[in-house]
Amino acid sequence: MLKEFSPYIERIIKLKGQAFAVDARIHKKADRIYDPISLLSSLVLVLFADGKIDPAEKQYLDEFVKNRRIPQKVLEDILKVAEAGELKILTPNETLDASDWLDKLIEMCLADGEVCSKEQKLLLAFGAKFNILAIDINLRIKRIRQRMYLENKEILKS
């Protein structure tokens, strides 16, 4: 089974570390994500964590790919590997990137409005690799939930 997914896994590893263009729209905050392919792989793991693909989470992924001009084929390859259960969490090469990655992972978890227990485990496992405590992760979840709520409230106003 792994053999049939090897080309996909090799392609993902080959793309690791490549920079893609970040959306330069004025209202978009430019992030400092160096390795968007690895982060995309982690976001896909969040997508599959609770066993159901929520449309809001899928939309978050599509926006992530679109804003960074990552080819749709790359996302499709990563999804195939994840569906086969062969995708492993990739981590940033730099500890400095870990904070930004964690925020993106939390945003993905909250795309459907909640962080399920399996998503929480993924966040904690990621945090453990970079000595980010569970309490810090929980505080980030609350902060990001509040920010997303206010952003959505502003969108509804306009």
N, C-alpha and C. Protein backbone atom coordinates (compact mmCIF):
# COMPACT_ATOMS: atom_id res chain seq x y z
N MET A 1 0.82 -1.18 0.00
CA MET A 1 0.00 0.00 0.00
C MET A 1 0.87 1.25 0.00
N LEU A 2 1.90 1.27 0.83
CA LEU A 2 2.78 2.43 0.88
C LEU A 2 3.45 2.65 -0.47
N LYS A 3 3.76 1.56 -1.16
CA LYS A 3 4.46 1.68 -2.43
C LYS A 3 3.66 2.49 -3.45
N GLU A 4 2.32 2.32 -3.47
CA GLU A 4 1.53 3.07 -4.44
C GLU A 4 1.44 4.55 -4.10
N PHE A 5 1.72 4.92 -2.85
CA PHE A 5 1.68 6.33 -2.46
C PHE A 5 3.07 6.94 -2.39
N SER A 6 4.09 6.16 -2.65
CA SER A 6 5.46 6.66 -2.61
C SER A 6 5.69 7.87 -3.52
N PRO A 7 5.18 7.87 -4.76
CA PRO A 7 5.41 9.05 -5.60
C PRO A 7 4.83 10.32 -4.98
N TYR A 8 3.68 10.19 -4.33
CA TYR A 8 3.07 11.37 -3.71
C TYR A 8 3.91 11.84 -2.54
N ILE A 9 4.34 10.90 -1.71
CA ILE A 9 5.15 11.24 -0.55
C ILE A 9 6.47 11.86 -1.00
N GLU A 10 7.10 11.28 -2.03
CA GLU A 10 8.37 11.82 -2.54
C GLU A 10 8.17 13.24 -3.07
N ARG A 11 7.04 13.49 -3.74
CA ARG A 11 6.76 14.82 -4.28
C ARG A 11 6.60 15.83 -3.15
N ILE A 12 5.90 15.44 -2.09
CA ILE A 12 5.70 16.34 -0.95
C ILE A 12 7.04 16.66 -0.30
N ILE A 13 7.87 15.65 -0.12
CA ILE A 13 9.18 15.87 0.51
C ILE A 13 10.05 16.75 -0.38
N LYS A 14 9.96 16.56 -1.69
CA LYS A 14 10.75 17.38 -2.61
C LYS A 14 10.31 18.84 -2.55
N LEU A 15 9.02 19.08 -2.34
CA LEU A 15 8.51 20.45 -2.28
C LEU A 15 8.76 21.11 -0.93
N LYS A 16 9.09 20.31 0.08
CA LYS A 16 9.32 20.85 1.43
C LYS A 16 10.39 21.92 1.37
N GLY A 17 10.09 23.06 1.96
CA GLY A 17 11.06 24.14 2.00
C GLY A 17 10.99 25.11 0.84
N GLN A 18 10.22 24.78 -0.20
CA GLN A 18 10.09 25.71 -1.31
C GLN A 18 9.17 26.85 -0.92
N ALA A 19 9.54 28.03 -1.30
CA ALA A 19 8.71 29.20 -1.02
C ALA A 19 7.78 29.42 -2.21
N PHE A 20 6.54 29.75 -1.91
CA PHE A 20 5.57 30.11 -2.93
C PHE A 20 5.16 31.55 -2.67
N ALA A 21 4.59 32.19 -3.66
CA ALA A 21 4.17 33.59 -3.50
C ALA A 21 3.06 33.69 -2.47
N VAL A 22 3.15 34.71 -1.64
CA VAL A 22 2.11 34.97 -0.65
C VAL A 22 1.21 36.06 -1.21
N ASP A 23 -0.08 35.91 -0.99
CA ASP A 23 -1.05 36.87 -1.46
C ASP A 23 -0.70 38.26 -0.93
N ALA A 24 -0.60 39.22 -1.81
CA ALA A 24 -0.18 40.56 -1.42
C ALA A 24 -1.35 41.54 -1.29
N ARG A 25 -2.57 41.04 -1.18
CA ARG A 25 -3.69 41.95 -1.02
C ARG A 25 -3.51 42.76 0.25
N ILE A 26 -3.92 44.01 0.19
CA ILE A 26 -3.70 44.94 1.29
C ILE A 26 -4.37 44.47 2.58
N HIS A 27 -5.58 43.95 2.50
CA HIS A 27 -6.29 43.57 3.72
C HIS A 27 -5.85 42.23 4.30
N LYS A 28 -4.96 41.56 3.62
CA LYS A 28 -4.45 40.29 4.12
C LYS A 28 -3.16 40.54 4.89
N LYS A 29 -3.08 39.98 6.08
CA LYS A 29 -1.85 40.08 6.87
C LYS A 29 -0.85 39.08 6.30
N ALA A 30 0.31 39.58 5.94
CA ALA A 30 1.35 38.70 5.42
C ALA A 30 1.92 37.89 6.56
N ASP A 31 1.94 36.58 6.39
CA ASP A 31 2.53 35.76 7.44
C ASP A 31 3.98 35.47 7.08
N ARG A 32 4.68 34.89 8.02
CA ARG A 32 6.09 34.63 7.83
C ARG A 32 6.34 33.15 7.66
N ILE A 33 5.43 32.44 7.06
CA ILE A 33 5.58 31.00 6.90
C ILE A 33 6.60 30.73 5.79
N TYR A 34 7.69 30.10 6.17
CA TYR A 34 8.73 29.81 5.18
C TYR A 34 8.41 28.57 4.37
N ASP A 35 7.88 27.56 5.00
CA ASP A 35 7.70 26.26 4.36
C ASP A 35 6.22 25.91 4.27
N PRO A 36 5.49 26.53 3.33
CA PRO A 36 4.04 26.34 3.28
C PRO A 36 3.60 24.92 2.95
N ILE A 37 4.43 24.15 2.26
CA ILE A 37 4.04 22.78 1.90
C ILE A 37 3.98 21.91 3.15
N SER A 38 4.96 22.04 4.01
CA SER A 38 4.94 21.26 5.25
C SER A 38 3.77 21.68 6.12
N LEU A 39 3.52 23.00 6.20
CA LEU A 39 2.39 23.47 6.98
C LEU A 39 1.08 22.97 6.37
N LEU A 40 0.98 22.99 5.05
CA LEU A 40 -0.21 22.48 4.37
C LEU A 40 -0.44 21.02 4.74
N SER A 41 0.62 20.23 4.79
CA SER A 41 0.51 18.82 5.19
C SER A 41 -0.06 18.70 6.60
N SER A 42 0.40 19.56 7.49
CA SER A 42 -0.10 19.54 8.87
C SER A 42 -1.56 19.97 8.92
N LEU A 43 -1.92 20.95 8.11
CA LEU A 43 -3.32 21.41 8.07
C LEU A 43 -4.23 20.29 7.55
N VAL A 44 -3.74 19.52 6.60
CA VAL A 44 -4.52 18.39 6.08
C VAL A 44 -4.72 17.35 7.18
N LEU A 45 -3.71 17.13 8.00
CA LEU A 45 -3.87 16.20 9.13
C LEU A 45 -4.97 16.69 10.08
N VAL A 46 -5.04 18.00 10.29
CA VAL A 46 -6.12 18.56 11.12
C VAL A 46 -7.47 18.30 10.45
N LEU A 47 -7.52 18.46 9.13
CA LEU A 47 -8.75 18.23 8.38
C LEU A 47 -9.29 16.82 8.63
N PHE A 48 -8.41 15.84 8.68
CA PHE A 48 -8.82 14.44 8.84
C PHE A 48 -8.88 13.99 10.30
N ALA A 49 -8.45 14.82 11.24
CA ALA A 49 -8.31 14.42 12.64
C ALA A 49 -9.60 13.91 13.25
N ASP A 50 -10.71 14.60 13.00
CA ASP A 50 -11.96 14.21 13.65
C ASP A 50 -12.78 13.21 12.83
N GLY A 51 -12.23 12.75 11.72
CA GLY A 51 -12.90 11.72 10.93
C GLY A 51 -13.95 12.26 9.97
N LYS A 52 -14.15 13.56 9.94
CA LYS A 52 -15.11 14.13 8.99
C LYS A 52 -14.49 15.38 8.36
N ILE A 53 -14.80 15.59 7.11
CA ILE A 53 -14.28 16.76 6.41
C ILE A 53 -15.36 17.83 6.46
N ASP A 54 -15.11 18.83 7.26
CA ASP A 54 -16.04 19.93 7.41
C ASP A 54 -15.84 20.91 6.25
N PRO A 55 -16.92 21.40 5.63
CA PRO A 55 -16.78 22.34 4.51
C PRO A 55 -16.00 23.60 4.88
N ALA A 56 -16.14 24.09 6.10
CA ALA A 56 -15.41 25.29 6.52
C ALA A 56 -13.91 25.01 6.60
N GLU A 57 -13.53 23.81 7.06
CA GLU A 57 -12.13 23.45 7.11
C GLU A 57 -11.56 23.29 5.70
N LYS A 58 -12.34 22.68 4.82
CA LYS A 58 -11.91 22.53 3.42
C LYS A 58 -11.73 23.89 2.77
N GLN A 59 -12.63 24.81 3.07
CA GLN A 59 -12.53 26.17 2.52
C GLN A 59 -11.26 26.86 3.04
N TYR A 60 -10.95 26.65 4.31
CA TYR A 60 -9.72 27.23 4.88
C TYR A 60 -8.50 26.71 4.12
N LEU A 61 -8.48 25.41 3.84
CA LEU A 61 -7.38 24.81 3.07
C LEU A 61 -7.29 25.42 1.68
N ASP A 62 -8.44 25.52 1.02
CA ASP A 62 -8.46 26.07 -0.34
C ASP A 62 -7.94 27.51 -0.35
N GLU A 63 -8.31 28.30 0.66
CA GLU A 63 -7.82 29.68 0.76
C GLU A 63 -6.32 29.70 1.01
N PHE A 64 -5.86 28.82 1.88
CA PHE A 64 -4.42 28.73 2.18
C PHE A 64 -3.64 28.47 0.90
N VAL A 65 -4.09 27.50 0.12
CA VAL A 65 -3.43 27.13 -1.14
C VAL A 65 -3.50 28.28 -2.14
N LYS A 66 -4.67 28.87 -2.27
CA LYS A 66 -4.87 29.95 -3.23
C LYS A 66 -4.02 31.17 -2.89
N ASN A 67 -4.01 31.55 -1.62
CA ASN A 67 -3.27 32.75 -1.21
C ASN A 67 -1.77 32.60 -1.36
N ARG A 68 -1.29 31.38 -1.36
CA ARG A 68 0.15 31.15 -1.51
C ARG A 68 0.51 30.65 -2.90
N ARG A 69 -0.49 30.59 -3.76
CA ARG A 69 -0.31 30.15 -5.14
C ARG A 69 0.35 28.78 -5.22
N ILE A 70 -0.05 27.91 -4.30
CA ILE A 70 0.41 26.53 -4.33
C ILE A 70 -0.46 25.79 -5.35
N PRO A 71 0.13 25.07 -6.27
CA PRO A 71 -0.67 24.36 -7.27
C PRO A 71 -1.69 23.42 -6.62
N GLN A 72 -2.88 23.40 -7.17
CA GLN A 72 -3.96 22.55 -6.65
C GLN A 72 -3.55 21.08 -6.65
N LYS A 73 -2.72 20.70 -7.59
CA LYS A 73 -2.24 19.31 -7.68
C LYS A 73 -1.48 18.92 -6.42
N VAL A 74 -0.74 19.87 -5.85
CA VAL A 74 0.01 19.59 -4.63
C VAL A 74 -0.96 19.25 -3.50
N LEU A 75 -2.02 20.05 -3.37
CA LEU A 75 -3.04 19.78 -2.35
C LEU A 75 -3.67 18.41 -2.58
N GLU A 76 -4.00 18.11 -3.83
CA GLU A 76 -4.61 16.81 -4.15
C GLU A 76 -3.69 15.66 -3.77
N ASP A 77 -2.39 15.80 -4.04
CA ASP A 77 -1.43 14.75 -3.68
C ASP A 77 -1.37 14.56 -2.17
N ILE A 78 -1.34 15.65 -1.44
CA ILE A 78 -1.28 15.56 0.02
C ILE A 78 -2.55 14.92 0.56
N LEU A 79 -3.70 15.28 -0.02
CA LEU A 79 -4.97 14.68 0.41
C LEU A 79 -4.98 13.18 0.18
N LYS A 80 -4.43 12.73 -0.96
CA LYS A 80 -4.38 11.29 -1.26
C LYS A 80 -3.54 10.55 -0.23
N VAL A 81 -2.40 11.12 0.11
CA VAL A 81 -1.52 10.49 1.09
C VAL A 81 -2.21 10.43 2.45
N ALA A 82 -2.89 11.53 2.81
CA ALA A 82 -3.59 11.58 4.11
C ALA A 82 -4.74 10.57 4.15
N GLU A 83 -5.50 10.48 3.06
CA GLU A 83 -6.62 9.53 3.01
C GLU A 83 -6.14 8.09 3.18
N ALA A 84 -4.91 7.83 2.71
CA ALA A 84 -4.34 6.48 2.83
C ALA A 84 -3.73 6.25 4.21
N GLY A 85 -3.75 7.29 5.05
CA GLY A 85 -3.19 7.16 6.39
C GLY A 85 -1.67 7.18 6.42
N GLU A 86 -1.04 7.66 5.37
CA GLU A 86 0.42 7.65 5.26
C GLU A 86 1.06 9.00 5.57
N LEU A 87 0.25 10.03 5.81
CA LEU A 87 0.78 11.36 6.04
C LEU A 87 1.17 11.52 7.51
N LYS A 88 2.37 12.01 7.75
CA LYS A 88 2.85 12.26 9.10
C LYS A 88 3.00 13.77 9.28
N ILE A 89 2.90 14.21 10.54
CA ILE A 89 3.01 15.63 10.79
C ILE A 89 4.43 16.10 10.48
N LEU A 90 4.52 17.13 9.69
CA LEU A 90 5.81 17.74 9.38
C LEU A 90 5.94 18.97 10.26
N THR A 91 7.14 19.31 10.63
CA THR A 91 7.34 20.46 11.50
C THR A 91 8.27 21.45 10.82
N PRO A 92 8.21 22.69 11.25
CA PRO A 92 9.09 23.70 10.63
C PRO A 92 10.55 23.41 10.94
N ASN A 93 11.41 23.89 10.06
CA ASN A 93 12.84 23.71 10.26
C ASN A 93 13.37 24.65 11.33
N GLU A 94 12.68 25.73 11.54
CA GLU A 94 13.12 26.74 12.50
C GLU A 94 12.15 26.81 13.67
N THR A 95 12.67 26.89 14.86
CA THR A 95 11.84 27.03 16.04
C THR A 95 11.03 28.31 15.97
N LEU A 96 11.57 29.35 15.35
CA LEU A 96 10.86 30.62 15.23
C LEU A 96 9.56 30.47 14.45
N ASP A 97 9.54 29.57 13.48
CA ASP A 97 8.34 29.35 12.68
C ASP A 97 7.25 28.61 13.46
N ALA A 98 7.62 27.93 14.52
CA ALA A 98 6.68 27.08 15.25
C ALA A 98 5.49 27.88 15.77
N SER A 99 5.72 29.08 16.24
CA SER A 99 4.63 29.89 16.78
C SER A 99 3.62 30.24 15.69
N ASP A 100 4.11 30.65 14.53
CA ASP A 100 3.22 30.97 13.41
C ASP A 100 2.48 29.74 12.93
N TRP A 101 3.17 28.61 12.88
CA TRP A 101 2.54 27.35 12.47
C TRP A 101 1.43 26.97 13.42
N LEU A 102 1.71 27.07 14.70
CA LEU A 102 0.72 26.71 15.71
C LEU A 102 -0.53 27.56 15.54
N ASP A 103 -0.37 28.85 15.29
CA ASP A 103 -1.52 29.71 15.08
C ASP A 103 -2.34 29.26 13.87
N LYS A 104 -1.65 28.90 12.79
CA LYS A 104 -2.36 28.43 11.58
C LYS A 104 -3.08 27.11 11.86
N LEU A 105 -2.44 26.22 12.59
CA LEU A 105 -3.09 24.95 12.93
C LEU A 105 -4.34 25.20 13.78
N ILE A 106 -4.25 26.13 14.71
CA ILE A 106 -5.41 26.46 15.54
C ILE A 106 -6.52 27.08 14.70
N GLU A 107 -6.16 27.96 13.78
CA GLU A 107 -7.18 28.55 12.89
C GLU A 107 -7.89 27.45 12.11
N MET A 108 -7.14 26.48 11.62
CA MET A 108 -7.73 25.36 10.89
C MET A 108 -8.66 24.57 11.78
N CYS A 109 -8.24 24.31 13.00
CA CYS A 109 -9.08 23.58 13.95
C CYS A 109 -10.38 24.34 14.20
N LEU A 110 -10.28 25.65 14.30
CA LEU A 110 -11.45 26.47 14.62
C LEU A 110 -12.31 26.83 13.41
N ALA A 111 -11.88 26.42 12.23
CA ALA A 111 -12.65 26.75 11.03
C ALA A 111 -14.09 26.25 11.13
N ASP A 112 -14.28 25.11 11.79
CA ASP A 112 -15.63 24.56 11.95
C ASP A 112 -16.24 24.97 13.29
N GLY A 113 -15.55 25.85 14.03
CA GLY A 113 -16.10 26.40 15.25
C GLY A 113 -15.66 25.73 16.54
N GLU A 114 -14.96 24.60 16.43
CA GLU A 114 -14.55 23.91 17.65
C GLU A 114 -13.25 23.16 17.45
N VAL A 115 -12.59 22.87 18.56
CA VAL A 115 -11.38 22.05 18.56
C VAL A 115 -11.76 20.73 19.21
N CYS A 116 -11.86 19.68 18.40
CA CYS A 116 -12.23 18.37 18.95
C CYS A 116 -11.04 17.76 19.69
N SER A 117 -11.27 16.69 20.40
CA SER A 117 -10.21 16.07 21.22
C SER A 117 -9.05 15.57 20.37
N LYS A 118 -9.32 15.05 19.18
CA LYS A 118 -8.23 14.56 18.32
C LYS A 118 -7.41 15.73 17.78
N GLU A 119 -8.09 16.83 17.47
CA GLU A 119 -7.36 18.02 17.02
C GLU A 119 -6.52 18.57 18.17
N GLN A 120 -7.08 18.54 19.37
CA GLN A 120 -6.35 19.00 20.56
C GLN A 120 -5.08 18.17 20.75
N LYS A 121 -5.17 16.86 20.54
CA LYS A 121 -4.01 15.98 20.67
C LYS A 121 -2.93 16.34 19.65
N LEU A 122 -3.36 16.64 18.41
CA LEU A 122 -2.41 17.07 17.38
C LEU A 122 -1.71 18.35 17.78
N LEU A 123 -2.48 19.32 18.30
CA LEU A 123 -1.91 20.59 18.73
C LEU A 123 -0.91 20.38 19.87
N LEU A 124 -1.27 19.53 20.81
CA LEU A 124 -0.39 19.26 21.95
C LEU A 124 0.89 18.55 21.50
N ALA A 125 0.75 17.61 20.56
CA ALA A 125 1.93 16.89 20.04
C ALA A 125 2.86 17.86 19.31
N PHE A 126 2.26 18.75 18.53
CA PHE A 126 3.05 19.76 17.82
C PHE A 126 3.75 20.65 18.84
N GLY A 127 2.99 21.14 19.82
CA GLY A 127 3.55 22.02 20.84
C GLY A 127 4.67 21.37 21.62
N ALA A 128 4.53 20.09 21.90
CA ALA A 128 5.56 19.37 22.67
C ALA A 128 6.90 19.36 21.94
N LYS A 129 6.87 19.31 20.62
CA LYS A 129 8.12 19.30 19.85
C LYS A 129 8.89 20.60 20.00
N PHE A 130 8.18 21.67 20.36
CA PHE A 130 8.82 22.99 20.46
C PHE A 130 8.69 23.59 21.86
N ASN A 131 8.45 22.72 22.84
CA ASN A 131 8.35 23.15 24.24
C ASN A 131 7.28 24.23 24.45
N ILE A 132 6.19 24.10 23.73
CA ILE A 132 5.05 25.00 23.93
C ILE A 132 4.07 24.27 24.85
N LEU A 133 3.81 24.85 25.99
CA LEU A 133 2.99 24.20 27.01
C LEU A 133 1.52 24.16 26.62
N ALA A 134 0.81 23.19 27.17
CA ALA A 134 -0.62 23.04 26.92
C ALA A 134 -1.39 24.30 27.31
N ILE A 135 -1.00 24.93 28.40
CA ILE A 135 -1.70 26.14 28.84
C ILE A 135 -1.54 27.25 27.81
N ASP A 136 -0.36 27.34 27.20
CA ASP A 136 -0.14 28.34 26.15
C ASP A 136 -1.00 28.02 24.93
N ILE A 137 -1.10 26.76 24.59
CA ILE A 137 -1.94 26.37 23.45
C ILE A 137 -3.39 26.72 23.73
N ASN A 138 -3.86 26.45 24.94
CA ASN A 138 -5.25 26.78 25.29
C ASN A 138 -5.49 28.29 25.26
N LEU A 139 -4.53 29.06 25.71
CA LEU A 139 -4.66 30.52 25.65
C LEU A 139 -4.69 31.01 24.20
N ARG A 140 -3.86 30.40 23.37
CA ARG A 140 -3.87 30.76 21.95
C ARG A 140 -5.21 30.42 21.30
N ILE A 141 -5.76 29.28 21.66
CA ILE A 141 -7.05 28.89 21.11
C ILE A 141 -8.10 29.94 21.46
N LYS A 142 -8.12 30.37 22.71
CA LYS A 142 -9.10 31.39 23.13
C LYS A 142 -8.87 32.70 22.40
N ARG A 143 -7.60 33.12 22.29
CA ARG A 143 -7.29 34.39 21.62
C ARG A 143 -7.68 34.33 20.14
N ILE A 144 -7.34 33.24 19.48
CA ILE A 144 -7.63 33.12 18.05
C ILE A 144 -9.13 32.97 17.82
N ARG A 145 -9.83 32.25 18.69
CA ARG A 145 -11.28 32.12 18.59
C ARG A 145 -11.93 33.52 18.67
N GLN A 146 -11.47 34.32 19.62
CA GLN A 146 -12.01 35.67 19.80
C GLN A 146 -11.72 36.53 18.56
N ARG A 147 -10.48 36.45 18.06
CA ARG A 147 -10.12 37.23 16.87
C ARG A 147 -10.96 36.81 15.66
N MET A 148 -11.13 35.52 15.46
CA MET A 148 -11.93 35.03 14.33
C MET A 148 -13.39 35.47 14.47
N TYR A 149 -13.89 35.43 15.69
CA TYR A 149 -15.27 35.87 15.94
C TYR A 149 -15.42 37.34 15.56
N LEU A 150 -14.49 38.18 16.00
CA LEU A 150 -14.57 39.61 15.69
C LEU A 150 -14.42 39.88 14.20
N GLU A 151 -13.53 39.13 13.54
CA GLU A 151 -13.37 39.29 12.09
C GLU A 151 -14.65 38.93 11.36
N ASN A 152 -15.27 37.82 11.75
CA ASN A 152 -16.51 37.40 11.11
C ASN A 152 -17.65 38.37 11.41
N LYS A 153 -17.66 38.92 12.57
CA LYS A 153 -18.66 39.92 12.94
C LYS A 153 -18.52 41.16 12.06
N GLU A 154 -17.29 41.59 11.82
CA GLU A 154 -17.03 42.74 10.95
C GLU A 154 -17.47 42.44 9.51
N ILE A 155 -17.20 41.24 9.06
CA ILE A 155 -17.60 40.86 7.70
C ILE A 155 -19.11 40.91 7.56
N LEU A 156 -19.82 40.43 8.57
CA LEU A 156 -21.29 40.44 8.54
C LEU A 156 -21.83 41.87 8.55
N LYS A 157 -21.16 42.78 9.24
CA LYS A 157 -21.59 44.18 9.29
C LYS A 157 -21.52 44.83 7.92
N SER A 158 -20.48 44.50 7.17
CA SER A 158 -20.30 45.15 5.87
C SER A 158 -20.95 44.44 4.73
